[in-house]
Every structure is written in C-alpha cells, then in structure tokens.
Amino acid sequence: MKTYTNTGNKDTRSGFGAGLTELGKTNENVVALCADLIGSLKMDDFKKNHPERFFQVGIAEANMIGLAAGLTIGGKIPFTGTFANFSTGRVYDQIRQSVAYSDKNVKICASHAGLTLGEDGATHQILEDIGLMKMLPGMTVINPCDYNQTKAATIAIAEHHGPVYLRFGRPSVANFTPENQKFEIGKALHLIEGTDVTIVATGHLVWEALEAAKTLNEKGISAEVINIHTIKPLDDKAILDSVTKTGCIVTAEEHNYLGGLGESVARVLAKHKPTPQEFVATNDTFGESGTPAQLMDKYGLNSAAIVKAVEKVMKRK
C-alpha cells in the first residue's frame, strides 16, 4: 500500500497567505481585501509589498463583498479574507446578489472553517458553509487538505474566471502533498488504490482518511482513498469509477452531513450507480468550545471514525 509522509505540521491559512504573496508578485490585477483580520488570514506580506492593492475594510464584511464585486468591473481580481462564518453566513445576500448572480470574478477566501476553529466556540465555527456556497449557481467550491495544496489552489483560482469559495483552516495539520504542485480545479486526486471500499475525503479529513487506510490495511481491508479538494464542480467520474470497483463508499468532511460533500456524492450515486454509503461528518449540530483535537474526537471526525464507517458500510455490500 502506498504511504504518505507528513513533512511537518502547518496551518492551511498560511498556505493561503503564501499563495497570495506569490500572486502579488506575478499578477498585477490581484487585489486583496480584509475585514480586520490581516494576521489571522496571513495577508501581512501582501499588504507590506503591495499596499496600493490592499484594502482594509474593517469589521464590515458586507461592504467588503460589495467593494470586491465593484473592483471586478475594472478588471481586478479581488481576494476577500475573513473567517469562514463571516465570509458566508454574514454576507450571503451580498454574495448571492452582487457576486454569484452577475458572475463576478471574486475569490471568497475563508479561514477558520469547521470545528477546528477551536476555542472560539459555536458562534464562530461554521459547519454549513459548503452547503451555502455550493447551492449558488456558478460558484466554484474548493476545500484543500494541507498547506502545499492550499497554496497551489490560491494561485490556481486567480486564473479561473468566475466566483470561487476557497475554504481553509486555523490549526497546524499534516503537510503531505508535493511542493509546487499543479492544482487542477475539479480533478479529484487518487492517493491510494484499493479494492474493498472507497474513502473520499476533503480538507482536514484527507490525512485522517490516509491514517484510516493504514489501520484498515492491517485488518486486511484494501481502501481506496480519494482527495476531493473541489466539491463543486465535483469529479463524478472519479467517484463512479472507484465505486464500480469497490462496491461501497465512505465520505469524510469537517462539515454538517446535510449539504456537504457527502450529499453531493450521494446525488451522483443515486443518479448513476446506487451504492452503499456512510457519512463521517457532524450530525446536524453546532459545535462548542474546545481544542481542535478534542472537538474532532468528540464529533467523530478522525481516522477512528472513518474505520468504523468503513466496517459498517462493507456489511451493506
């Protein structure tokens, strides 16, 4: 079985900051807007090196989205930055009306997503943002898994015309994908080939899926692991090809099972190839205060939960 090495834990929000810094050097049309969270979004270097292209909007997220939409009319490529909760739930009307409806080239970049925001608690942890964003016509939704992939995704979305929701996080997590990788929007990545069960994961749960595959291998179960970094547009073919081989599937995400990756996969399966499926996700609940590790364990978003889901779904084959 192919294995992956963690080259050192890094936060995915720093991957975004590194990608934005690179874009500042290579694309003069890229501009950045922030809602009073420059340090948290790792936008410091862009601000320092390109102050004429940086706009500190303050705690006025709706205004930030409106300004970003307007900047696209002059050919600019705005990257907005704040917490995922404030990037989506607080400004949904502005995104729908000013960005998605008119297909504005705005990149909505959202940090501190999911439970791993940690101690700030339920009011700041959003577990429904993927659902909110993927339902908007024309919105691309991306949820990379580690620092390297987040950097590559940040660079790639500047070349994609149209609204994008880029989701990333606060904690330091395993960094295991290649440096200087090419990021292809909408193209799933097969990490491990397997024959008994398909595991498709997104974001922080990709590393947990790899760890689960090791445990399953020791139990004599061959798991195929696929990194779904782009939730919309979804790589239907990769999913269908895999379940044709394995006959069952587990989806894993740091998001409510209602409206997330799992439901998107279920739609594909229902339409083309009904297949037993289990969900590793939060169960229609808000979060709470705690360390990221404590919360991921309590809410069943880890490798152990994936192993249990695999053992359950294989009985339904």
Protein backbone atom coordinates (compact mmCIF):
# COMPACT_ATOMS: atom_id res chain seq x y z
CA MET A 1 0.00 0.00 0.00
CA LYS A 2 1.27 3.47 -0.87
CA THR A 3 2.05 5.59 2.18
CA TYR A 4 2.45 9.36 2.70
CA THR A 5 4.87 11.22 4.92
CA ASN A 6 3.99 14.26 6.98
CA THR A 7 6.80 16.73 6.29
CA GLY A 8 5.78 18.87 9.25
CA ASN A 9 2.51 20.27 10.53
CA LYS A 10 1.44 23.60 9.03
CA ASP A 11 -1.79 25.58 9.05
CA THR A 12 -3.65 25.79 5.75
CA ARG A 13 -4.33 29.50 6.25
CA SER A 14 -0.57 30.06 5.92
CA GLY A 15 -0.75 28.21 2.62
CA PHE A 16 -3.28 30.79 1.51
CA GLY A 17 -1.00 33.61 2.66
CA ALA A 18 1.94 32.13 0.76
CA GLY A 19 -0.15 31.75 -2.39
CA LEU A 20 -1.42 35.33 -2.12
CA THR A 21 2.15 36.57 -1.70
CA GLU A 22 3.14 34.73 -4.87
CA LEU A 23 0.20 36.19 -6.78
CA GLY A 24 1.19 39.66 -5.65
CA LYS A 25 4.48 39.23 -7.50
CA THR A 26 3.11 37.62 -10.64
CA ASN A 27 -0.35 39.10 -11.27
CA GLU A 28 -0.77 42.85 -11.00
CA ASN A 29 -4.56 42.55 -11.26
CA VAL A 30 -4.82 40.66 -7.98
CA VAL A 31 -6.05 42.84 -5.13
CA ALA A 32 -6.78 41.84 -1.53
CA LEU A 33 -9.48 42.96 0.88
CA CYS A 34 -9.64 42.07 4.57
CA ALA A 35 -12.23 42.53 7.31
CA ASP A 36 -9.88 43.44 10.18
CA LEU A 37 -8.17 40.02 10.34
CA ILE A 38 -4.92 40.54 8.47
CA GLY A 39 -2.82 38.43 10.84
CA SER A 40 -5.37 35.63 11.11
CA LEU A 41 -5.64 35.41 7.31
CA LYS A 42 -1.85 35.67 6.81
CA MET A 43 -2.26 38.63 4.46
CA ASP A 44 0.59 40.59 6.06
CA ASP A 45 3.14 40.05 3.29
CA PHE A 46 0.74 41.07 0.55
CA LYS A 47 -0.15 44.24 2.43
CA LYS A 48 3.51 45.06 3.07
CA ASN A 49 4.64 44.52 -0.51
CA HIS A 50 1.58 45.87 -2.34
CA PRO A 51 -0.09 48.49 -0.13
CA GLU A 52 -1.71 50.12 -3.17
CA ARG A 53 -3.53 46.84 -3.87
CA PHE A 54 -4.64 46.11 -0.31
CA PHE A 55 -7.87 47.37 1.25
CA GLN A 56 -8.54 47.15 4.98
CA VAL A 57 -12.32 47.29 5.13
CA GLY A 58 -12.68 46.79 8.88
CA ILE A 59 -15.44 44.80 10.55
CA ALA A 60 -17.79 45.41 7.62
CA GLU A 61 -17.96 42.16 5.71
CA ALA A 62 -20.97 43.09 3.60
CA ASN A 63 -19.17 46.21 2.41
CA MET A 64 -16.11 44.10 1.61
CA ILE A 65 -18.10 41.83 -0.72
CA GLY A 66 -19.70 44.84 -2.40
CA LEU A 67 -16.33 46.52 -2.93
CA ALA A 68 -14.89 43.29 -4.31
CA ALA A 69 -17.73 42.95 -6.80
CA GLY A 70 -17.17 46.52 -7.95
CA LEU A 71 -13.44 46.04 -8.38
CA THR A 72 -14.01 43.24 -10.87
CA ILE A 73 -15.68 45.69 -13.25
CA GLY A 74 -12.32 47.39 -13.73
CA GLY A 75 -10.59 44.09 -14.43
CA LYS A 76 -9.23 43.47 -10.95
CA ILE A 77 -9.23 40.02 -9.32
CA PRO A 78 -10.24 40.58 -5.69
CA PHE A 79 -9.41 38.11 -2.93
CA THR A 80 -11.51 38.73 0.18
CA GLY A 81 -10.38 37.46 3.57
CA THR A 82 -12.12 36.79 6.86
CA PHE A 83 -13.32 33.84 8.96
CA ALA A 84 -15.50 31.30 7.11
CA ASN A 85 -18.53 32.14 9.26
CA PHE A 86 -18.30 35.81 8.34
CA SER A 87 -17.31 35.05 4.73
CA THR A 88 -20.57 33.20 4.08
CA GLY A 89 -23.35 33.32 6.66
CA ARG A 90 -22.97 37.01 7.49
CA VAL A 91 -22.85 38.13 3.86
CA TYR A 92 -24.91 35.56 1.99
CA ASP A 93 -27.22 38.15 0.48
CA GLN A 94 -24.33 40.21 -0.85
CA ILE A 95 -22.62 37.13 -2.31
CA ARG A 96 -25.83 35.94 -3.95
CA GLN A 97 -26.91 39.28 -5.37
CA SER A 98 -23.65 41.10 -6.11
CA VAL A 99 -21.28 38.22 -6.91
CA ALA A 100 -22.98 34.98 -7.97
CA TYR A 101 -25.99 36.44 -9.81
CA SER A 102 -23.81 38.59 -12.06
CA ASP A 103 -20.93 36.06 -12.26
CA LYS A 104 -18.38 38.44 -10.75
CA ASN A 105 -14.76 37.29 -10.64
CA VAL A 106 -14.50 37.44 -6.83
CA LYS A 107 -12.44 34.96 -4.80
CA ILE A 108 -14.03 34.49 -1.37
CA CYS A 109 -11.22 33.18 0.84
CA ALA A 110 -12.38 31.80 4.16
CA SER A 111 -10.21 30.80 7.11
CA HIS A 112 -11.04 29.20 10.47
CA ALA A 113 -13.66 26.88 8.92
CA GLY A 114 -15.29 23.99 10.75
CA LEU A 115 -14.81 22.74 14.29
CA THR A 116 -11.05 23.22 14.22
CA LEU A 117 -11.50 26.93 14.81
CA GLY A 118 -11.42 25.55 18.33
CA GLU A 119 -11.80 27.57 21.50
CA ASP A 120 -13.79 30.45 19.94
CA GLY A 121 -16.80 28.13 20.02
CA ALA A 122 -20.04 27.56 18.16
CA THR A 123 -20.74 31.17 17.19
CA HIS A 124 -17.54 31.26 15.13
CA GLN A 125 -17.44 27.64 13.92
CA ILE A 126 -19.39 27.24 10.71
CA LEU A 127 -20.36 23.76 9.59
CA GLU A 128 -22.81 24.71 6.84
CA ASP A 129 -20.70 26.96 4.61
CA ILE A 130 -20.00 24.38 1.90
CA GLY A 131 -23.74 23.82 1.54
CA LEU A 132 -24.44 27.55 1.38
CA MET A 133 -21.83 28.15 -1.28
CA LYS A 134 -22.32 25.09 -3.49
CA MET A 135 -26.02 25.90 -3.94
CA LEU A 136 -25.21 29.24 -5.59
CA PRO A 137 -25.29 28.92 -9.40
CA GLY A 138 -21.84 29.28 -10.93
CA MET A 139 -19.95 29.18 -7.61
CA THR A 140 -16.83 27.00 -7.52
CA VAL A 141 -16.18 25.46 -4.08
CA ILE A 142 -12.67 24.35 -3.07
CA ASN A 143 -11.53 22.81 0.23
CA PRO A 144 -7.82 21.86 0.08
CA CYS A 145 -6.22 19.41 2.50
CA ASP A 146 -2.87 20.87 3.58
CA TYR A 147 -0.50 23.84 3.36
CA ASN A 148 1.01 22.93 -0.01
CA GLN A 149 -2.31 22.25 -1.66
CA THR A 150 -3.87 25.43 -0.25
CA LYS A 151 -1.00 27.49 -1.67
CA ALA A 152 -1.42 25.84 -5.07
CA ALA A 153 -5.21 26.31 -5.00
CA THR A 154 -4.85 30.00 -4.13
CA ILE A 155 -2.62 30.54 -7.14
CA ALA A 156 -4.86 28.48 -9.43
CA ILE A 157 -8.12 30.30 -8.69
CA ALA A 158 -6.64 33.58 -9.91
CA GLU A 159 -6.61 32.06 -13.41
CA HIS A 160 -10.19 30.79 -13.15
CA HIS A 161 -12.82 33.29 -14.27
CA GLY A 162 -15.84 33.37 -12.02
CA PRO A 163 -16.74 33.35 -8.33
CA VAL A 164 -14.82 30.94 -6.09
CA TYR A 165 -15.22 29.92 -2.46
CA LEU A 166 -11.85 28.80 -1.04
CA ARG A 167 -12.10 27.20 2.40
CA PHE A 168 -9.16 26.59 4.77
CA GLY A 169 -8.39 26.38 8.47
CA ARG A 170 -6.63 27.57 11.58
CA PRO A 171 -4.80 24.59 13.17
CA SER A 172 -1.48 23.12 12.16
CA VAL A 173 -2.18 19.86 10.36
CA ALA A 174 -0.15 17.30 8.43
CA ASN A 175 1.54 18.67 5.30
CA PHE A 176 1.96 15.75 2.91
CA THR A 177 1.20 16.78 -0.68
CA PRO A 178 4.01 17.84 -3.04
CA GLU A 179 5.54 21.30 -3.05
CA ASN A 180 4.98 23.40 -6.18
CA GLN A 181 2.18 21.08 -7.30
CA LYS A 182 -0.17 21.91 -10.16
CA PHE A 183 -3.71 22.39 -8.86
CA GLU A 184 -6.46 21.39 -11.27
CA ILE A 185 -9.91 22.64 -10.31
CA GLY A 186 -12.50 19.86 -10.42
CA LYS A 187 -10.00 17.00 -10.68
CA ALA A 188 -10.02 14.52 -7.79
CA LEU A 189 -6.71 13.01 -6.71
CA HIS A 190 -6.34 9.26 -6.20
CA LEU A 191 -3.99 8.91 -3.24
CA ILE A 192 -4.24 5.17 -2.58
CA GLU A 193 -5.56 2.44 -4.86
CA GLY A 194 -7.83 -0.12 -3.21
CA THR A 195 -10.40 -2.81 -3.96
CA ASP A 196 -12.69 -3.22 -0.93
CA VAL A 197 -14.00 0.26 -0.12
CA THR A 198 -13.77 3.82 -1.43
CA ILE A 199 -12.99 6.65 1.00
CA VAL A 200 -13.48 10.14 -0.40
CA ALA A 201 -12.39 12.94 1.91
CA THR A 202 -11.94 16.69 1.78
CA GLY A 203 -9.96 19.26 3.76
CA HIS A 204 -8.52 18.21 7.11
CA LEU A 205 -10.16 14.78 6.81
CA VAL A 206 -7.91 13.71 3.92
CA TRP A 207 -4.98 12.99 6.24
CA GLU A 208 -7.34 11.19 8.61
CA ALA A 209 -8.50 9.06 5.67
CA LEU A 210 -4.89 8.12 4.91
CA GLU A 211 -4.34 7.15 8.54
CA ALA A 212 -7.56 5.13 8.46
CA ALA A 213 -6.36 3.31 5.34
CA LYS A 214 -3.25 2.16 7.25
CA THR A 215 -5.38 0.73 10.05
CA LEU A 216 -7.73 -0.93 7.59
CA ASN A 217 -4.80 -2.44 5.71
CA GLU A 218 -3.66 -4.07 8.96
CA LYS A 219 -7.14 -5.56 9.23
CA GLY A 220 -6.91 -6.95 5.70
CA ILE A 221 -9.18 -4.33 4.14
CA SER A 222 -7.99 -2.61 0.96
CA ALA A 223 -9.20 1.02 0.99
CA GLU A 224 -9.07 3.37 -1.97
CA VAL A 225 -8.53 6.96 -0.81
CA ILE A 226 -9.51 9.92 -2.98
CA ASN A 227 -8.86 13.58 -2.17
CA ILE A 228 -11.89 15.62 -3.23
CA HIS A 229 -10.42 19.12 -2.98
CA THR A 230 -13.06 20.56 -5.32
CA ILE A 231 -16.59 19.95 -4.09
CA LYS A 232 -18.12 21.92 -6.95
CA PRO A 233 -17.66 21.05 -9.76
CA LEU A 234 -17.45 17.50 -8.42
CA ASP A 235 -15.38 14.88 -10.22
CA ASP A 236 -18.27 12.48 -10.81
CA LYS A 237 -16.20 10.13 -12.96
CA ALA A 238 -13.56 9.55 -10.31
CA ILE A 239 -16.24 8.60 -7.79
CA LEU A 240 -18.18 6.35 -10.13
CA ASP A 241 -15.09 4.58 -11.44
CA SER A 242 -13.98 3.88 -7.89
CA VAL A 243 -17.28 2.53 -6.54
CA THR A 244 -17.66 0.36 -9.61
CA LYS A 245 -14.53 -1.39 -8.39
CA THR A 246 -15.11 -1.35 -4.61
CA GLY A 247 -18.90 -1.55 -4.26
CA CYS A 248 -19.21 0.80 -1.26
CA ILE A 249 -18.10 4.26 -0.15
CA VAL A 250 -17.42 6.43 2.91
CA THR A 251 -17.40 10.23 2.68
CA ALA A 252 -15.44 12.25 5.26
CA GLU A 253 -15.62 16.01 5.87
CA GLU A 254 -15.39 18.65 8.61
CA HIS A 255 -18.91 19.86 7.88
CA ASN A 256 -22.52 19.02 8.56
CA TYR A 257 -23.57 15.84 6.74
CA LEU A 258 -26.53 17.90 5.49
CA GLY A 259 -25.40 19.90 2.46
CA GLY A 260 -21.75 18.90 2.32
CA LEU A 261 -19.53 16.65 0.26
CA GLY A 262 -21.40 13.53 1.35
CA GLU A 263 -24.70 14.77 -0.06
CA SER A 264 -23.05 15.73 -3.33
CA VAL A 265 -21.60 12.24 -3.63
CA ALA A 266 -24.97 10.69 -2.73
CA ARG A 267 -26.60 12.65 -5.56
CA VAL A 268 -24.09 11.26 -8.05
CA LEU A 269 -24.61 7.71 -6.81
CA ALA A 270 -28.40 7.97 -6.77
CA LYS A 271 -28.42 9.21 -10.35
CA HIS A 272 -25.84 6.87 -11.87
CA LYS A 273 -24.99 3.93 -9.61
CA PRO A 274 -26.78 3.39 -6.27
CA THR A 275 -24.10 2.26 -3.82
CA PRO A 276 -23.98 1.72 -0.03
CA GLN A 277 -22.61 4.90 1.59
CA GLU A 278 -21.71 6.01 5.11
CA PHE A 279 -21.06 9.60 6.22
CA VAL A 280 -18.31 10.87 8.51
CA ALA A 281 -19.44 14.42 9.30
CA THR A 282 -21.17 16.37 12.03
CA ASN A 283 -24.70 15.22 12.73
CA ASP A 284 -26.91 18.30 12.30
CA THR A 285 -25.36 20.12 15.25
CA PHE A 286 -23.50 23.26 16.21
CA GLY A 287 -20.01 23.00 17.66
CA GLU A 288 -18.67 24.10 21.04
CA SER A 289 -15.51 25.42 22.65
CA GLY A 290 -12.51 23.11 22.92
CA THR A 291 -9.17 22.35 21.34
CA PRO A 292 -9.31 21.24 17.70
CA ALA A 293 -8.21 17.71 18.63
CA GLN A 294 -10.80 17.41 21.40
CA LEU A 295 -13.58 18.57 19.10
CA MET A 296 -12.61 16.32 16.22
CA ASP A 297 -12.60 13.35 18.59
CA LYS A 298 -15.91 14.23 20.27
CA TYR A 299 -17.73 14.84 17.00
CA GLY A 300 -16.28 11.78 15.29
CA LEU A 301 -14.15 13.47 12.65
CA ASN A 302 -10.99 11.37 12.76
CA SER A 303 -9.37 8.21 11.45
CA ALA A 304 -11.06 6.01 14.05
CA ALA A 305 -14.50 7.22 12.95
CA ILE A 306 -13.59 6.54 9.31
CA VAL A 307 -12.52 2.99 10.18
CA LYS A 308 -15.84 2.38 11.94
CA ALA A 309 -17.76 3.78 8.97
CA VAL A 310 -15.84 1.51 6.60
CA GLU A 311 -16.57 -1.57 8.69
CA LYS A 312 -20.24 -0.61 8.76
CA VAL A 313 -20.63 0.11 5.06
CA MET A 314 -18.84 -3.08 4.00
CA LYS A 315 -21.54 -5.12 5.73
CA ARG A 316 -24.06 -3.48 3.38
CA LYS A 317 -22.32 -4.55 0.18
